[in-house]
PDB file of all heavy atoms in Angstrom:
ATOM      1  N   ASN A   1     -54.762-129.039 214.966  1.00  0.00           N
ATOM      2  CA  ASN A   1     -56.041-128.609 214.411  1.00  0.00           C
ATOM      3  C   ASN A   1     -56.287-129.359 213.115  1.00  0.00           C
ATOM      4  O   ASN A   1     -55.329-129.663 212.385  1.00  0.00           O
ATOM      5  CB  ASN A   1     -56.049-127.104 214.144  1.00  0.00           C
ATOM      6  CG  ASN A   1     -56.023-126.295 215.422  1.00  0.00           C
ATOM      7  OD1 ASN A   1     -57.025-126.187 216.118  1.00  0.00           O
ATOM      8  ND2 ASN A   1     -54.871-125.735 215.754  1.00  0.00           N
ATOM      9  N   TYR A   2     -57.550-129.627 212.833  1.00  0.00           N
ATOM     10  CA  TYR A   2     -57.905-130.433 211.671  1.00  0.00           C
ATOM     11  C   TYR A   2     -59.091-129.821 210.926  1.00  0.00           C
ATOM     12  O   TYR A   2     -59.988-129.227 211.534  1.00  0.00           O
ATOM     13  CB  TYR A   2     -58.290-131.851 212.099  1.00  0.00           C
ATOM     14  CG  TYR A   2     -57.191-132.592 212.809  1.00  0.00           C
ATOM     15  CD1 TYR A   2     -57.081-132.571 214.189  1.00  0.00           C
ATOM     16  CD2 TYR A   2     -56.247-133.322 212.086  1.00  0.00           C
ATOM     17  CE1 TYR A   2     -56.066-133.240 214.836  1.00  0.00           C
ATOM     18  CE2 TYR A   2     -55.232-134.009 212.727  1.00  0.00           C
ATOM     19  CZ  TYR A   2     -55.142-133.955 214.107  1.00  0.00           C
ATOM     20  OH  TYR A   2     -54.131-134.631 214.743  1.00  0.00           O
ATOM     21  N   ALA A   3     -59.084-130.036 209.620  1.00  0.00           N
ATOM     22  CA  ALA A   3     -60.265-129.708 208.842  1.00  0.00           C
ATOM     23  C   ALA A   3     -61.390-130.658 209.248  1.00  0.00           C
ATOM     24  O   ALA A   3     -61.137-131.807 209.607  1.00  0.00           O
ATOM     25  CB  ALA A   3     -59.960-129.841 207.355  1.00  0.00           C
ATOM     26  N   ASP A   4     -62.610-130.175 209.181  1.00  0.00           N
ATOM     27  CA  ASP A   4     -63.743-131.001 209.589  1.00  0.00           C
ATOM     28  C   ASP A   4     -63.818-132.301 208.803  1.00  0.00           C
ATOM     29  O   ASP A   4     -64.240-133.336 209.323  1.00  0.00           O
ATOM     30  CB  ASP A   4     -65.046-130.218 209.414  1.00  0.00           C
ATOM     31  CG  ASP A   4     -65.202-129.117 210.457  1.00  0.00           C
ATOM     32  OD1 ASP A   4     -64.491-129.156 211.488  1.00  0.00           O
ATOM     33  OD2 ASP A   4     -66.030-128.216 210.236  1.00  0.00           O
ATOM     34  N   SER A   5     -63.410-132.249 207.546  1.00  0.00           N
ATOM     35  CA  SER A   5     -63.527-133.420 206.672  1.00  0.00           C
ATOM     36  C   SER A   5     -62.621-134.576 207.093  1.00  0.00           C
ATOM     37  O   SER A   5     -62.849-135.719 206.682  1.00  0.00           O
ATOM     38  CB  SER A   5     -63.226-133.031 205.223  1.00  0.00           C
ATOM     39  OG  SER A   5     -61.926-132.482 205.119  1.00  0.00           O
ATOM     40  N   VAL A   6     -61.596-134.296 207.883  1.00  0.00           N
ATOM     41  CA  VAL A   6     -60.655-135.356 208.273  1.00  0.00           C
ATOM     42  C   VAL A   6     -60.613-135.582 209.780  1.00  0.00           C
ATOM     43  O   VAL A   6     -59.949-136.512 210.244  1.00  0.00           O
ATOM     44  CB  VAL A   6     -59.234-135.051 207.769  1.00  0.00           C
ATOM     45  CG1 VAL A   6     -59.237-134.786 206.270  1.00  0.00           C
ATOM     46  CG2 VAL A   6     -58.596-133.902 208.518  1.00  0.00           C
ATOM     47  N   LYS A   7     -61.319-134.764 210.519  1.00  0.00           N
ATOM     48  CA  LYS A   7     -61.293-134.871 211.978  1.00  0.00           C
ATOM     49  C   LYS A   7     -61.762-136.247 212.417  1.00  0.00           C
ATOM     50  O   LYS A   7     -62.773-136.759 211.944  1.00  0.00           O
ATOM     51  CB  LYS A   7     -62.180-133.784 212.569  1.00  0.00           C
ATOM     52  CG  LYS A   7     -61.900-133.452 214.015  1.00  0.00           C
ATOM     53  CD  LYS A   7     -62.687-132.226 214.449  1.00  0.00           C
ATOM     54  CE  LYS A   7     -62.239-130.980 213.721  1.00  0.00           C
ATOM     55  NZ  LYS A   7     -62.948-129.753 214.194  1.00  0.00           N
ATOM     56  N   GLY A   8     -60.997-136.857 213.317  1.00  0.00           N
ATOM     57  CA  GLY A   8     -61.324-138.195 213.797  1.00  0.00           C
ATOM     58  C   GLY A   8     -60.734-139.314 212.966  1.00  0.00           C
ATOM     59  O   GLY A   8     -60.742-140.474 213.384  1.00  0.00           O
ATOM     60  N   ARG A   9     -60.207-138.985 211.786  1.00  0.00           N
ATOM     61  CA  ARG A   9     -59.609-140.009 210.913  1.00  0.00           C
ATOM     62  C   ARG A   9     -58.120-139.775 210.712  1.00  0.00           C
ATOM     63  O   ARG A   9     -57.354-140.729 210.563  1.00  0.00           O
ATOM     64  CB  ARG A   9     -60.306-140.020 209.551  1.00  0.00           C
ATOM     65  CG  ARG A   9     -61.780-140.325 209.613  1.00  0.00           C
ATOM     66  CD  ARG A   9     -62.378-140.479 208.206  1.00  0.00           C
ATOM     67  NE  ARG A   9     -62.271-139.264 207.418  1.00  0.00           N
ATOM     68  CZ  ARG A   9     -61.640-139.179 206.255  1.00  0.00           C
ATOM     69  NH1 ARG A   9     -61.057-140.247 205.737  1.00  0.00           N
ATOM     70  NH2 ARG A   9     -61.607-138.029 205.592  1.00  0.00           N
ATOM     71  N   PHE A  10     -57.702-138.521 210.691  1.00  0.00           N
ATOM     72  CA  PHE A  10     -56.296-138.171 210.453  1.00  0.00           C
ATOM     73  C   PHE A  10     -55.661-137.674 211.745  1.00  0.00           C
ATOM     74  O   PHE A  10     -56.320-137.040 212.570  1.00  0.00           O
ATOM     75  CB  PHE A  10     -56.176-137.075 209.401  1.00  0.00           C
ATOM     76  CG  PHE A  10     -56.531-137.467 208.001  1.00  0.00           C
ATOM     77  CD1 PHE A  10     -57.154-138.677 207.718  1.00  0.00           C
ATOM     78  CD2 PHE A  10     -56.242-136.622 206.936  1.00  0.00           C
ATOM     79  CE1 PHE A  10     -57.483-139.037 206.425  1.00  0.00           C
ATOM     80  CE2 PHE A  10     -56.571-136.963 205.638  1.00  0.00           C
ATOM     81  CZ  PHE A  10     -57.192-138.175 205.382  1.00  0.00           C
ATOM     82  N   THR A  11     -54.372-137.949 211.892  1.00  0.00           N
ATOM     83  CA  THR A  11     -53.618-137.465 213.044  1.00  0.00           C
ATOM     84  C   THR A  11     -52.298-136.883 212.570  1.00  0.00           C
ATOM     85  O   THR A  11     -51.522-137.576 211.900  1.00  0.00           O
ATOM     86  CB  THR A  11     -53.346-138.593 214.047  1.00  0.00           C
ATOM     87  OG1 THR A  11     -54.580-139.165 214.476  1.00  0.00           O
ATOM     88  CG2 THR A  11     -52.601-138.049 215.263  1.00  0.00           C
ATOM     89  N   ILE A  12     -52.045-135.637 212.935  1.00  0.00           N
ATOM     90  CA  ILE A  12     -50.779-134.993 212.598  1.00  0.00           C
ATOM     91  C   ILE A  12     -49.858-135.064 213.810  1.00  0.00           C
ATOM     92  O   ILE A  12     -50.302-134.939 214.960  1.00  0.00           O
ATOM     93  CB  ILE A  12     -50.995-133.537 212.135  1.00  0.00           C
ATOM     94  CG1 ILE A  12     -49.696-132.934 211.599  1.00  0.00           C
ATOM     95  CG2 ILE A  12     -51.592-132.677 213.251  1.00  0.00           C
ATOM     96  CD1 ILE A  12     -49.874-131.582 210.927  1.00  0.00           C
ATOM     97  N   SER A  13     -48.578-135.271 213.559  1.00  0.00           N
ATOM     98  CA  SER A  13     -47.603-135.331 214.646  1.00  0.00           C
ATOM     99  C   SER A  13     -46.242-134.901 214.105  1.00  0.00           C
ATOM    100  O   SER A  13     -46.085-134.651 212.911  1.00  0.00           O
ATOM    101  CB  SER A  13     -47.529-136.745 215.236  1.00  0.00           C
ATOM    102  OG  SER A  13     -47.111-137.671 214.246  1.00  0.00           O
ATOM    103  N   ARG A  14     -45.286-134.816 214.993  1.00  0.00           N
ATOM    104  CA  ARG A  14     -43.926-134.474 214.585  1.00  0.00           C
ATOM    105  C   ARG A  14     -42.953-135.265 215.443  1.00  0.00           C
ATOM    106  O   ARG A  14     -43.310-135.758 216.518  1.00  0.00           O
ATOM    107  CB  ARG A  14     -43.667-132.980 214.744  1.00  0.00           C
ATOM    108  CG  ARG A  14     -43.652-132.507 216.196  1.00  0.00           C
ATOM    109  CD  ARG A  14     -43.409-131.018 216.301  1.00  0.00           C
ATOM    110  NE  ARG A  14     -43.164-130.575 217.658  1.00  0.00           N
ATOM    111  CZ  ARG A  14     -44.110-130.332 218.552  1.00  0.00           C
ATOM    112  NH1 ARG A  14     -45.376-130.496 218.235  1.00  0.00           N
ATOM    113  NH2 ARG A  14     -43.782-129.921 219.752  1.00  0.00           N
ATOM    114  N   ASP A  15     -41.708-135.355 214.973  1.00  0.00           N
ATOM    115  CA  ASP A  15     -40.708-136.043 215.784  1.00  0.00           C
ATOM    116  C   ASP A  15     -40.180-135.091 216.850  1.00  0.00           C
ATOM    117  O   ASP A  15     -40.478-133.898 216.838  1.00  0.00           O
ATOM    118  CB  ASP A  15     -39.586-136.590 214.906  1.00  0.00           C
ATOM    119  CG  ASP A  15     -38.767-135.488 214.238  1.00  0.00           C
ATOM    120  OD1 ASP A  15     -39.148-134.304 214.322  1.00  0.00           O
ATOM    121  OD2 ASP A  15     -37.750-135.827 213.625  1.00  0.00           O
ATOM    122  N   LYS A  16     -39.397-135.601 217.776  1.00  0.00           N
ATOM    123  CA  LYS A  16     -38.944-134.804 218.912  1.00  0.00           C
ATOM    124  C   LYS A  16     -38.020-133.679 218.479  1.00  0.00           C
ATOM    125  O   LYS A  16     -38.042-132.582 219.045  1.00  0.00           O
ATOM    126  CB  LYS A  16     -38.248-135.693 219.936  1.00  0.00           C
ATOM    127  CG  LYS A  16     -39.185-136.644 220.659  1.00  0.00           C
ATOM    128  CD  LYS A  16     -38.440-137.439 221.728  1.00  0.00           C
ATOM    129  CE  LYS A  16     -39.380-138.372 222.469  1.00  0.00           C
ATOM    130  NZ  LYS A  16     -38.677-139.161 223.510  1.00  0.00           N
ATOM    131  N   VAL A  17     -37.228-133.928 217.454  1.00  0.00           N
ATOM    132  CA  VAL A  17     -36.291-132.918 216.985  1.00  0.00           C
ATOM    133  C   VAL A  17     -37.020-131.784 216.286  1.00  0.00           C
ATOM    134  O   VAL A  17     -36.616-130.633 216.352  1.00  0.00           O
ATOM    135  CB  VAL A  17     -35.242-133.553 216.028  1.00  0.00           C
ATOM    136  CG1 VAL A  17     -34.332-132.489 215.441  1.00  0.00           C
ATOM    137  CG2 VAL A  17     -34.453-134.615 216.766  1.00  0.00           C
ATOM    138  N   GLY A  18     -38.125-132.131 215.626  1.00  0.00           N
ATOM    139  CA  GLY A  18     -38.912-131.127 214.935  1.00  0.00           C
ATOM    140  C   GLY A  18     -38.610-131.012 213.465  1.00  0.00           C
ATOM    141  O   GLY A  18     -39.145-130.133 212.787  1.00  0.00           O
ATOM    142  N   ASN A  19     -37.777-131.913 212.945  1.00  0.00           N
ATOM    143  CA  ASN A  19     -37.453-131.852 211.523  1.00  0.00           C
ATOM    144  C   ASN A  19     -38.428-132.608 210.643  1.00  0.00           C
ATOM    145  O   ASN A  19     -38.425-132.424 209.426  1.00  0.00           O
ATOM    146  CB  ASN A  19     -36.045-132.415 211.291  1.00  0.00           C
ATOM    147  CG  ASN A  19     -34.964-131.420 211.654  1.00  0.00           C
ATOM    148  OD1 ASN A  19     -35.229-130.396 212.249  1.00  0.00           O
ATOM    149  ND2 ASN A  19     -33.738-131.729 211.292  1.00  0.00           N
ATOM    150  N   THR A  20     -39.227-133.470 211.236  1.00  0.00           N
ATOM    151  CA  THR A  20     -40.131-134.314 210.457  1.00  0.00           C
ATOM    152  C   THR A  20     -41.545-134.220 210.996  1.00  0.00           C
ATOM    153  O   THR A  20     -41.754-134.245 212.215  1.00  0.00           O
ATOM    154  CB  THR A  20     -39.674-135.777 210.490  1.00  0.00           C
ATOM    155  OG1 THR A  20     -38.315-135.861 210.047  1.00  0.00           O
ATOM    156  CG2 THR A  20     -40.533-136.639 209.581  1.00  0.00           C
ATOM    157  N   ALA A  21     -42.486-134.113 210.084  1.00  0.00           N
ATOM    158  CA  ALA A  21     -43.902-134.139 210.442  1.00  0.00           C
ATOM    159  C   ALA A  21     -44.541-135.350 209.783  1.00  0.00           C
ATOM    160  O   ALA A  21     -44.079-135.821 208.736  1.00  0.00           O
ATOM    161  CB  ALA A  21     -44.590-132.859 209.974  1.00  0.00           C
ATOM    162  N   PHE A  22     -45.591-135.831 210.413  1.00  0.00           N
ATOM    163  CA  PHE A  22     -46.279-137.019 209.929  1.00  0.00           C
ATOM    164  C   PHE A  22     -47.774-136.741 209.818  1.00  0.00           C
ATOM    165  O   PHE A  22     -48.318-135.896 210.527  1.00  0.00           O
ATOM    166  CB  PHE A  22     -46.060-138.198 210.883  1.00  0.00           C
ATOM    167  CG  PHE A  22     -44.624-138.488 211.182  1.00  0.00           C
ATOM    168  CD1 PHE A  22     -44.014-137.979 212.327  1.00  0.00           C
ATOM    169  CD2 PHE A  22     -43.863-139.259 210.322  1.00  0.00           C
ATOM    170  CE1 PHE A  22     -42.693-138.237 212.605  1.00  0.00           C
ATOM    171  CE2 PHE A  22     -42.537-139.530 210.592  1.00  0.00           C
ATOM    172  CZ  PHE A  22     -41.947-139.010 211.738  1.00  0.00           C
ATOM    173  N   LEU A  23     -48.412-137.480 208.935  1.00  0.00           N
ATOM    174  CA  LEU A  23     -49.868-137.443 208.846  1.00  0.00           C
ATOM    175  C   LEU A  23     -50.345-138.888 208.752  1.00  0.00           C
ATOM    176  O   LEU A  23     -50.164-139.534 207.718  1.00  0.00           O
ATOM    177  CB  LEU A  23     -50.340-136.636 207.644  1.00  0.00           C
ATOM    178  CG  LEU A  23     -51.858-136.426 207.576  1.00  0.00           C
ATOM    179  CD1 LEU A  23     -52.316-135.518 208.719  1.00  0.00           C
ATOM    180  CD2 LEU A  23     -52.259-135.826 206.227  1.00  0.00           C
ATOM    181  N   GLN A  24     -50.896-139.385 209.847  1.00  0.00           N
ATOM    182  CA  GLN A  24     -51.479-140.719 209.859  1.00  0.00           C
ATOM    183  C   GLN A  24     -52.910-140.606 209.375  1.00  0.00           C
ATOM    184  O   GLN A  24     -53.712-139.875 209.963  1.00  0.00           O
ATOM    185  CB  GLN A  24     -51.436-141.304 211.275  1.00  0.00           C
ATOM    186  CG  GLN A  24     -52.095-142.661 211.405  1.00  0.00           C
ATOM    187  CD  GLN A  24     -51.360-143.743 210.644  1.00  0.00           C
ATOM    188  OE1 GLN A  24     -50.131-143.799 210.674  1.00  0.00           O
ATOM    189  NE2 GLN A  24     -52.091-144.602 209.954  1.00  0.00           N
ATOM    190  N   MET A  25     -53.227-141.318 208.314  1.00  0.00           N
ATOM    191  CA  MET A  25     -54.553-141.240 207.703  1.00  0.00           C
ATOM    192  C   MET A  25     -55.224-142.604 207.802  1.00  0.00           C
ATOM    193  O   MET A  25     -54.730-143.582 207.243  1.00  0.00           O
ATOM    194  CB  MET A  25     -54.435-140.798 206.243  1.00  0.00           C
ATOM    195  CG  MET A  25     -53.654-139.507 206.058  1.00  0.00           C
ATOM    196  SD  MET A  25     -53.655-138.912 204.362  1.00  0.00           S
ATOM    197  CE  MET A  25     -52.714-140.220 203.561  1.00  0.00           C
ATOM    198  N   ASN A  26     -56.308-142.659 208.530  1.00  0.00           N
ATOM    199  CA  ASN A  26     -57.065-143.896 208.708  1.00  0.00           C
ATOM    200  C   ASN A  26     -58.449-143.760 208.092  1.00  0.00           C
ATOM    201  O   ASN A  26     -58.936-142.656 207.873  1.00  0.00           O
ATOM    202  CB  ASN A  26     -57.189-144.228 210.195  1.00  0.00           C
ATOM    203  CG  ASN A  26     -55.863-144.455 210.854  1.00  0.00           C
ATOM    204  OD1 ASN A  26     -54.918-144.953 210.253  1.00  0.00           O
ATOM    205  ND2 ASN A  26     -55.764-144.104 212.137  1.00  0.00           N
ATOM    206  N   ASN A  27     -59.073-144.901 207.858  1.00  0.00           N
ATOM    207  CA  ASN A  27     -60.424-144.924 207.281  1.00  0.00           C
ATOM    208  C   ASN A  27     -60.506-144.009 206.058  1.00  0.00           C
ATOM    209  O   ASN A  27     -61.410-143.169 205.950  1.00  0.00           O
ATOM    210  CB  ASN A  27     -61.447-144.515 208.337  1.00  0.00           C
ATOM    211  CG  ASN A  27     -62.875-144.754 207.892  1.00  0.00           C
ATOM    212  OD1 ASN A  27     -63.127-145.563 207.005  1.00  0.00           O
ATOM    213  ND2 ASN A  27     -63.802-144.037 208.500  1.00  0.00           N
ATOM    214  N   LEU A  28     -59.593-144.200 205.152  1.00  0.00           N
ATOM    215  CA  LEU A  28     -59.532-143.336 203.973  1.00  0.00           C
ATOM    216  C   LEU A  28     -60.745-143.527 203.075  1.00  0.00           C
ATOM    217  O   LEU A  28     -61.285-144.636 202.960  1.00  0.00           O
ATOM    218  CB  LEU A  28     -58.249-143.607 203.195  1.00  0.00           C
ATOM    219  CG  LEU A  28     -56.989-142.980 203.827  1.00  0.00           C
ATOM    220  CD1 LEU A  28     -55.730-143.650 203.327  1.00  0.00           C
ATOM    221  CD2 LEU A  28     -56.966-141.490 203.543  1.00  0.00           C
ATOM    222  N   LYS A  29     -61.154-142.431 202.458  1.00  0.00           N
ATOM    223  CA  LYS A  29     -62.309-142.414 201.582  1.00  0.00           C
ATOM    224  C   LYS A  29     -61.886-141.973 200.188  1.00  0.00           C
ATOM    225  O   LYS A  29     -60.870-141.279 200.043  1.00  0.00           O
ATOM    226  CB  LYS A  29     -63.353-141.439 202.127  1.00  0.00           C
ATOM    227  CG  LYS A  29     -63.778-141.714 203.559  1.00  0.00           C
ATOM    228  CD  LYS A  29     -64.729-140.637 204.058  1.00  0.00           C
ATOM    229  CE  LYS A  29     -65.144-140.902 205.498  1.00  0.00           C
ATOM    230  NZ  LYS A  29     -66.093-139.877 206.001  1.00  0.00           N
ATOM    231  N   PRO A  30     -62.655-142.325 199.172  1.00  0.00           N
ATOM    232  CA  PRO A  30     -62.299-141.891 197.811  1.00  0.00           C
ATOM    233  C   PRO A  30     -62.122-140.376 197.698  1.00  0.00           C
ATOM    234  O   PRO A  30     -61.274-139.915 196.935  1.00  0.00           O
ATOM    235  CB  PRO A  30     -63.479-142.390 196.982  1.00  0.00           C
ATOM    236  CG  PRO A  30     -63.960-143.597 197.706  1.00  0.00           C
ATOM    237  CD  PRO A  30     -63.790-143.265 199.158  1.00  0.00           C
ATOM    238  N   GLU A  31     -62.869-139.626 198.476  1.00  0.00           N
ATOM    239  CA  GLU A  31     -62.754-138.163 198.418  1.00  0.00           C
ATOM    240  C   GLU A  31     -61.484-137.638 199.061  1.00  0.00           C
ATOM    241  O   GLU A  31     -61.207-136.438 199.004  1.00  0.00           O
ATOM    242  CB  GLU A  31     -63.975-137.494 199.060  1.00  0.00           C
ATOM    243  CG  GLU A  31     -64.310-137.978 200.456  1.00  0.00           C
ATOM    244  CD  GLU A  31     -65.391-139.055 200.447  1.00  0.00           C
ATOM    245  OE1 GLU A  31     -65.349-139.953 199.565  1.00  0.00           O
ATOM    246  OE2 GLU A  31     -66.255-139.013 201.347  1.00  0.00           O
ATOM    247  N   ASP A  32     -60.705-138.508 199.673  1.00  0.00           N
ATOM    248  CA  ASP A  32     -59.392-138.116 200.195  1.00  0.00           C
ATOM    249  C   ASP A  32     -58.318-138.156 199.114  1.00  0.00           C
ATOM    250  O   ASP A  32     -57.183-137.746 199.344  1.00  0.00           O
ATOM    251  CB  ASP A  32     -58.973-139.025 201.343  1.00  0.00           C
ATOM    252  CG  ASP A  32     -59.869-138.904 202.561  1.00  0.00           C
ATOM    253  OD1 ASP A  32     -60.234-137.765 202.916  1.00  0.00           O
ATOM    254  OD2 ASP A  32     -60.188-139.949 203.168  1.00  0.00           O
ATOM    255  N   THR A  33     -58.690-138.651 197.942  1.00  0.00           N
ATOM    256  CA  THR A  33     -57.732-138.712 196.834  1.00  0.00           C
ATOM    257  C   THR A  33     -57.255-137.312 196.468  1.00  0.00           C
ATOM    258  O   THR A  33     -58.060-136.423 196.189  1.00  0.00           O
ATOM    259  CB  THR A  33     -58.376-139.375 195.609  1.00  0.00           C
ATOM    260  OG1 THR A  33     -58.665-140.739 195.917  1.00  0.00           O
ATOM    261  CG2 THR A  33     -57.446-139.305 194.406  1.00  0.00           C
ATOM    262  N   ALA A  34     -55.941-137.121 196.490  1.00  0.00           N
ATOM    263  CA  ALA A  34     -55.358-135.805 196.236  1.00  0.00           C
ATOM    264  C   ALA A  34     -53.842-135.908 196.286  1.00  0.00           C
ATOM    265  O   ALA A  34     -53.293-136.918 196.732  1.00  0.00           O
ATOM    266  CB  ALA A  34     -55.840-134.791 197.267  1.00  0.00           C
ATOM    267  N   VAL A  35     -53.201-134.840 195.856  1.00  0.00           N
ATOM    268  CA  VAL A  35     -51.771-134.675 196.124  1.00  0.00           C
ATOM    269  C   VAL A  35     -51.661-133.949 197.460  1.00  0.00           C
ATOM    270  O   VAL A  35     -52.268-132.899 197.651  1.00  0.00           O
ATOM    271  CB  VAL A  35     -51.070-133.875 195.021  1.00  0.00           C
ATOM    272  CG1 VAL A  35     -49.601-133.660 195.373  1.00  0.00           C
ATOM    273  CG2 VAL A  35     -51.195-134.598 193.678  1.00  0.00           C
ATOM    274  N   TYR A  36     -50.891-134.524 198.359  1.00  0.00           N
ATOM    275  CA  TYR A  36     -50.737-133.977 199.700  1.00  0.00           C
ATOM    276  C   TYR A  36     -49.397-133.237 199.788  1.00  0.00           C
ATOM    277  O   TYR A  36     -48.355-133.777 199.410  1.00  0.00           O
ATOM    278  CB  TYR A  36     -50.812-135.077 200.745  1.00  0.00           C
ATOM    279  CG  TYR A  36     -52.225-135.555 200.980  1.00  0.00           C
ATOM    280  CD1 TYR A  36     -52.901-136.298 200.014  1.00  0.00           C
ATOM    281  CD2 TYR A  36     -52.908-135.239 202.152  1.00  0.00           C
ATOM    282  CE1 TYR A  36     -54.209-136.708 200.209  1.00  0.00           C
ATOM    283  CE2 TYR A  36     -54.215-135.644 202.368  1.00  0.00           C
ATOM    284  CZ  TYR A  36     -54.863-136.382 201.388  1.00  0.00           C
ATOM    285  OH  TYR A  36     -56.159-136.787 201.591  1.00  0.00           O
ATOM    286  N   PHE A  37     -49.467-132.021 200.309  1.00  0.00           N
ATOM    287  CA  PHE A  37     -48.294-131.160 200.439  1.00  0.00           C
ATOM    288  C   PHE A  37     -48.072-130.835 201.914  1.00  0.00           C
ATOM    289  O   PHE A  37     -49.016-130.628 202.666  1.00  0.00           O
ATOM    290  CB  PHE A  37     -48.498-129.846 199.694  1.00  0.00           C
ATOM    291  CG  PHE A  37     -48.721-129.981 198.223  1.00  0.00           C
ATOM    292  CD1 PHE A  37     -49.994-130.159 197.709  1.00  0.00           C
ATOM    293  CD2 PHE A  37     -47.649-129.917 197.334  1.00  0.00           C
ATOM    294  CE1 PHE A  37     -50.212-130.282 196.353  1.00  0.00           C
ATOM    295  CE2 PHE A  37     -47.859-130.035 195.975  1.00  0.00           C
ATOM    296  CZ  PHE A  37     -49.141-130.219 195.478  1.00  0.00           C
ATOM    297  N   CYS A  38     -46.817-130.746 202.293  1.00  0.00           N
ATOM    298  CA  CYS A  38     -46.503-130.299 203.644  1.00  0.00           C
ATOM    299  C   CYS A  38     -45.934-128.881 203.576  1.00  0.00           C
ATOM    300  O   CYS A  38     -45.354-128.477 202.580  1.00  0.00           O
ATOM    301  CB  CYS A  38     -45.502-131.227 204.326  1.00  0.00           C
ATOM    302  SG  CYS A  38     -43.977-131.521 203.419  1.00  0.00           S
ATOM    303  N   LYS A  39     -46.137-128.168 204.661  1.00  0.00           N
ATOM    304  CA  LYS A  39     -45.627-126.809 204.762  1.00  0.00           C
ATOM    305  C   LYS A  39     -45.111-126.580 206.167  1.00  0.00           C
ATOM    306  O   LYS A  39     -45.806-126.869 207.142  1.00  0.00           O
ATOM    307  CB  LYS A  39     -46.723-125.796 204.451  1.00  0.00           C
ATOM    308  CG  LYS A  39     -46.222-124.350 204.462  1.00  0.00           C
ATOM    309  CD  LYS A  39     -47.360-123.359 204.248  1.00  0.00           C
ATOM    310  CE  LYS A  39     -48.144-123.118 205.514  1.00  0.00           C
ATOM    311  NZ  LYS A  39     -49.124-122.013 205.358  1.00  0.00           N
ATOM    312  N   PHE A  40     -43.883-126.101 206.263  1.00  0.00           N
ATOM    313  CA  PHE A  40     -43.305-125.696 207.545  1.00  0.00           C
ATOM    314  C   PHE A  40     -43.188-124.178 207.508  1.00  0.00           C
ATOM    315  O   PHE A  40     -42.758-123.608 206.500  1.00  0.00           O
ATOM    316  CB  PHE A  40     -41.925-126.299 207.764  1.00  0.00           C
ATOM    317  CG  PHE A  40     -41.911-127.782 208.029  1.00  0.00           C
ATOM    318  CD1 PHE A  40     -43.063-128.548 207.944  1.00  0.00           C
ATOM    319  CD2 PHE A  40     -40.728-128.425 208.380  1.00  0.00           C
ATOM    320  CE1 PHE A  40     -43.051-129.909 208.205  1.00  0.00           C
ATOM    321  CE2 PHE A  40     -40.700-129.790 208.639  1.00  0.00           C
ATOM    322  CZ  PHE A  40     -41.860-130.531 208.536  1.00  0.00           C
TER     323      PHE A  40
END
């Protein structure tokens, strides 16, 4: 699931083991500037 502001540009995934999550961010915009936090 994605926030509307990033839908179509960001992709979240995880590894097979489940210990690592990823956020692929494409077509970045100045308004994407932020500190990014992960939560499990």
